Protein backbone atom coordinates (compact mmCIF):
# COMPACT_ATOMS: atom_id res chain seq x y z
CA MET A 1 3.51 -232.91 80.20
CA THR A 2 1.71 -235.16 77.13
CA PRO A 3 1.32 -232.27 74.44
CA VAL A 4 -1.03 -231.19 72.26
CA ASP A 5 -1.07 -231.58 68.87
CA PRO A 6 -3.91 -229.08 67.30
CA SER A 7 -4.87 -231.31 64.66
CA LEU A 8 -6.89 -233.33 66.10
CA PRO A 9 -10.15 -233.17 68.07
CA SER A 10 -8.87 -232.04 71.00
CA PRO A 11 -10.73 -234.41 74.28
CA LEU A 12 -10.15 -231.06 76.67
CA ARG A 13 -13.13 -228.99 78.45
CA ARG A 14 -13.17 -225.81 78.11
CA THR A 15 -11.63 -223.21 80.92
CA ASN A 16 -12.74 -219.92 81.94
CA ASP A 17 -11.06 -219.49 85.50
CA ASP A 18 -9.82 -216.60 86.05
CA ALA A 19 -6.00 -217.21 85.78
CA PRO A 20 -4.80 -215.17 82.33
CA ILE A 21 -3.55 -216.77 80.14
CA ALA A 22 -1.06 -216.59 77.37
CA LEU A 23 0.75 -218.14 74.12
CA VAL A 24 4.12 -217.64 73.42
CA THR A 25 5.28 -218.72 69.67
CA GLY A 26 8.73 -220.47 69.27
CA ALA A 27 8.63 -221.22 73.14
CA ASN A 28 11.03 -224.50 73.71
CA ARG A 29 14.19 -222.77 73.92
CA GLY A 30 15.97 -219.22 74.44
CA ILE A 31 13.78 -216.23 75.11
CA GLY A 32 10.45 -217.66 74.22
CA PHE A 33 11.18 -220.92 76.88
CA GLY A 34 12.16 -218.35 79.22
CA VAL A 35 9.29 -215.86 78.91
CA VAL A 36 6.92 -219.60 79.34
CA ARG A 37 8.72 -219.93 82.38
CA ALA A 38 8.91 -216.44 84.11
CA LEU A 39 4.52 -215.91 83.35
CA ALA A 40 3.83 -219.41 85.09
CA GLU A 41 5.53 -218.02 87.65
CA ARG A 42 3.73 -215.79 87.81
CA GLY A 43 -0.13 -217.59 87.90
CA PHE A 44 -0.84 -217.47 84.17
CA ARG A 45 -1.81 -220.74 82.61
CA VAL A 46 0.45 -220.41 78.83
CA ILE A 47 0.00 -222.42 75.76
CA LEU A 48 4.49 -223.58 74.78
CA GLY A 49 4.22 -223.01 70.80
CA ALA A 50 6.91 -225.06 69.13
CA ARG A 51 6.90 -226.53 65.63
CA ASP A 52 8.39 -229.73 66.59
CA LEU A 53 5.86 -231.60 69.79
CA GLY A 54 8.92 -233.49 71.28
CA ARG A 55 10.85 -230.51 71.76
CA GLY A 56 8.06 -228.92 72.99
CA GLU A 57 7.20 -231.46 75.52
CA GLU A 58 10.90 -231.70 76.33
CA ALA A 59 11.02 -228.33 77.26
CA VAL A 60 8.04 -228.28 79.31
CA HIS A 61 9.58 -231.19 81.41
CA ARG A 62 12.53 -228.80 82.36
CA LEU A 63 9.92 -226.76 83.98
CA GLY A 64 9.98 -228.98 86.82
CA GLU A 65 6.65 -228.40 89.75
CA LEU A 66 5.27 -225.38 86.26
CA ALA A 67 4.69 -227.56 84.19
CA SER A 68 1.14 -228.42 84.87
CA ALA A 69 0.48 -224.54 84.26
CA VAL A 70 1.98 -225.33 80.63
CA SER A 71 0.29 -226.83 77.61
CA VAL A 72 1.70 -227.67 74.49
CA CYS A 73 1.15 -226.92 71.09
CA ALA A 74 2.19 -227.53 67.41
CA LEU A 75 2.38 -224.26 65.82
CA ASP A 76 4.92 -223.24 62.84
CA VAL A 77 3.72 -219.38 62.44
CA ALA A 78 5.31 -219.84 58.62
CA ASP A 79 2.42 -221.92 58.00
CA ASP A 80 -0.80 -220.92 57.16
CA GLY A 81 -2.71 -224.63 58.00
CA SER A 82 -0.41 -224.91 61.02
CA VAL A 83 -1.67 -221.31 62.35
CA ALA A 84 -5.64 -221.91 61.85
CA ALA A 85 -5.24 -225.07 63.43
CA MET A 86 -3.69 -224.11 66.85
CA ALA A 87 -5.77 -221.39 66.21
CA ARG A 88 -9.38 -223.73 66.34
CA TRP A 89 -7.66 -225.61 69.45
CA VAL A 90 -7.00 -222.50 71.89
CA GLY A 91 -10.65 -221.23 71.05
CA GLU A 92 -11.84 -224.73 71.71
CA ARG A 93 -10.35 -225.05 74.88
CA TYR A 94 -10.10 -221.35 76.12
CA ASP A 95 -13.17 -218.70 76.12
CA ARG A 96 -10.16 -216.09 75.97
CA LEU A 97 -6.62 -215.16 75.08
CA ASP A 98 -5.06 -212.26 77.52
CA VAL A 99 -1.03 -212.00 75.92
CA LEU A 100 0.16 -213.30 72.69
CA VAL A 101 4.02 -212.92 72.64
CA ASN A 102 5.26 -213.46 69.04
CA ASN A 103 8.70 -214.77 69.76
CA ALA A 104 9.17 -217.03 66.58
CA ALA A 105 12.28 -215.97 64.20
CA ILE A 106 14.61 -217.45 62.62
CA ASP A 107 17.95 -216.81 60.82
CA TYR A 108 20.36 -214.51 62.63
CA ASP A 109 22.11 -213.67 59.33
CA SER A 110 25.37 -212.39 60.70
CA ASP A 111 27.10 -214.12 57.41
CA GLN A 112 25.13 -211.87 54.73
CA SER A 113 25.41 -208.51 53.51
CA ALA A 114 22.62 -206.22 51.98
CA VAL A 115 24.75 -205.58 48.40
CA THR A 116 25.05 -209.69 48.10
CA ALA A 117 22.29 -211.21 50.24
CA ASP A 118 20.68 -214.23 49.20
CA LEU A 119 16.99 -212.89 48.56
CA GLY A 120 15.24 -216.33 48.89
CA ARG A 121 16.59 -216.59 52.28
CA ALA A 122 15.37 -213.34 53.01
CA ARG A 123 12.18 -214.06 52.01
CA THR A 124 12.04 -217.04 54.32
CA ASP A 125 13.24 -215.04 56.84
CA LEU A 126 9.75 -212.37 56.35
CA ASP A 127 8.12 -215.25 56.08
CA THR A 128 8.74 -216.38 59.70
CA ASN A 129 10.31 -212.96 61.30
CA LEU A 130 7.26 -210.80 60.10
CA PHE A 131 4.60 -212.36 58.43
CA GLY A 132 4.35 -215.49 61.14
CA ALA A 133 3.85 -212.90 63.63
CA TRP A 134 1.09 -211.04 61.25
CA ARG A 135 -0.71 -214.48 60.54
CA THR A 136 -0.41 -215.54 64.25
CA THR A 137 -2.04 -212.61 65.42
CA GLN A 138 -4.94 -212.19 63.00
CA ALA A 139 -5.82 -215.82 63.86
CA LEU A 140 -5.85 -214.98 67.87
CA LEU A 141 -7.71 -211.67 67.56
CA PRO A 142 -10.78 -213.38 67.96
CA LEU A 143 -10.02 -214.68 71.13
CA LEU A 144 -7.44 -211.72 72.48
CA ARG A 145 -10.95 -209.37 71.64
CA ARG A 146 -12.21 -211.34 74.48
CA SER A 147 -9.70 -210.25 76.88
CA ALA A 148 -10.16 -207.32 79.36
CA HIS A 149 -6.68 -207.20 79.65
CA GLY A 150 -5.48 -208.31 75.81
CA ARG A 151 -1.83 -207.70 75.53
CA ILE A 152 0.43 -208.45 72.26
CA VAL A 153 3.97 -208.51 72.75
CA ASN A 154 6.35 -208.57 68.93
CA VAL A 155 9.94 -209.78 70.14
CA SER A 156 11.80 -207.33 68.26
CA SER A 157 15.72 -206.10 68.06
CA GLU A 158 17.66 -203.45 68.15
CA ALA A 159 19.12 -204.35 64.91
CA GLY A 160 15.33 -203.37 63.45
CA SER A 161 16.14 -199.94 64.93
CA ILE A 162 16.73 -197.56 61.70
CA ALA A 163 18.18 -195.09 63.70
CA GLY A 164 21.16 -197.53 64.47
CA MET A 165 21.56 -199.40 61.38
CA THR A 166 24.79 -199.97 59.37
CA GLY A 167 24.98 -202.27 57.31
CA GLY A 168 25.04 -206.48 57.88
CA LEU A 169 22.19 -208.82 59.15
CA PRO A 170 19.95 -208.04 56.49
CA ALA A 171 17.72 -210.19 55.94
CA TYR A 172 17.51 -210.09 60.10
CA SER A 173 17.73 -206.47 60.26
CA ILE A 174 15.00 -206.19 57.93
CA SER A 175 12.69 -208.19 59.39
CA LYS A 176 12.81 -206.68 62.81
CA ALA A 177 12.26 -203.15 61.05
CA ALA A 178 9.00 -204.15 59.37
CA LEU A 179 7.78 -205.89 62.48
CA ASN A 180 8.08 -202.45 64.50
CA ALA A 181 6.29 -201.33 61.93
CA LEU A 182 3.52 -203.66 62.08
CA THR A 183 3.82 -203.52 65.90
CA ARG A 184 2.66 -199.34 65.49
CA LEU A 185 -0.38 -200.11 63.19
CA LEU A 186 -1.97 -202.69 65.78
CA ALA A 187 -1.65 -200.45 68.47
CA GLY A 188 -3.29 -197.87 66.39
CA GLU A 189 -6.14 -200.30 64.98
CA LEU A 190 -6.58 -202.05 68.62
CA ARG A 191 -6.54 -199.47 70.83
CA ALA A 192 -10.37 -198.84 70.73
CA ASP A 193 -10.43 -203.11 71.70
CA ARG A 194 -8.17 -202.12 75.00
CA ILE A 195 -5.62 -204.22 73.32
CA LEU A 196 -1.74 -202.95 74.25
CA VAL A 197 0.74 -203.94 71.53
CA ASN A 198 4.03 -203.07 71.67
CA ALA A 199 7.95 -204.12 70.27
CA VAL A 200 10.61 -205.33 72.85
CA CYS A 201 13.59 -206.30 72.36
CA PRO A 202 15.46 -208.72 74.94
CA GLY A 203 18.84 -206.87 74.69
CA TRP A 204 21.46 -209.18 73.90
CA THR A 205 21.01 -212.31 75.69
CA ASN A 206 22.98 -215.76 76.17
CA THR A 207 20.81 -218.01 73.64
CA GLU A 208 21.31 -220.42 70.80
CA MET A 209 20.83 -217.96 68.54
CA GLY A 210 22.24 -214.65 70.48
CA GLY A 211 25.65 -216.51 71.54
CA GLY A 212 26.22 -214.92 74.31
CA GLY A 213 25.31 -211.96 76.32
CA ARG A 214 22.84 -211.19 79.61
CA PRO A 215 21.22 -214.41 81.37
CA LEU A 216 18.27 -215.50 79.62
CA ALA A 217 15.87 -214.56 82.68
CA GLU A 218 17.01 -210.99 82.22
CA GLY A 219 16.07 -210.85 78.49
CA ALA A 220 12.87 -212.76 78.88
CA ALA A 221 12.25 -210.06 82.42
CA SER A 222 12.23 -207.25 78.86
CA VAL A 223 9.52 -208.98 77.18
CA VAL A 224 7.38 -210.42 80.62
CA TRP A 225 7.31 -206.40 81.50
CA ALA A 226 5.08 -205.88 78.17
CA ALA A 227 3.19 -208.83 78.82
CA THR A 228 1.89 -207.83 81.96
CA LEU A 229 1.34 -203.82 81.68
CA PRO A 230 -1.08 -202.46 83.54
CA ASP A 231 -4.17 -200.96 81.20
CA ASP A 232 -2.39 -197.67 81.55
CA GLY A 233 0.74 -198.87 80.07
CA PRO A 234 1.89 -197.70 76.79
CA THR A 235 0.95 -199.00 73.41
CA GLY A 236 2.55 -199.00 70.16
CA GLY A 237 6.38 -198.65 71.79
CA PHE A 238 9.41 -200.38 71.03
CA PHE A 239 11.65 -201.06 74.61
CA ARG A 240 14.38 -202.68 76.49
CA ASP A 241 13.77 -203.75 79.92
CA GLY A 242 10.89 -201.17 80.11
CA ALA A 243 13.14 -197.66 78.43
CA PRO A 244 11.73 -196.66 74.77
CA LEU A 245 13.95 -196.99 71.92
CA ALA A 246 14.67 -195.58 68.84
CA TRP A 247 12.70 -196.92 65.88
């Protein structure tokens, strides 16, 4: 499938059929790619956000028959201009957005400790893992508010659970704890718009970042559960496999 660069005028016709529409950030590999596959299998039209269009295109080709349900969009969540361009493109092509999965994340910094951490590196991590989700959500809220069943899923980690923190992974853990806090704030503020907002830990999953653990499909399923909640489902929660986690 040909990738779409949102910085260019879109020749595509606006779409408003009944199939739900989802956008997944950081989706050319790992958990994000697994979520794209699972949502496409469930009949979603999926926008695969990737910093590198070429890698995004390669990811779509790996989907085989599901590729026709997936569009590729250039998206660097740490870049204001890239996020704004993406939001313009989505708005030109679609009349709404039903699901936003904030999956993009970097730097599982197991080589650092809080007492000696490189704070410049921590700022970079926060700009993707926290502010990336925040700016992407703000940019897409107008389209999410047009959905009758809006869902925002922030892909977090149990490493961000304050209840379990003892040391290590300082930038990653703090960025995920902050993402959990953002989840709570957004859930409260968007309740009147009927948008459910939850944080999900996919668990230790066999990805390039995770380096082992359970199969990718199982980690992705934890995220898809929150993306496909019924209208009376929970909001403002932190979950893995549909079960609550300690904040």
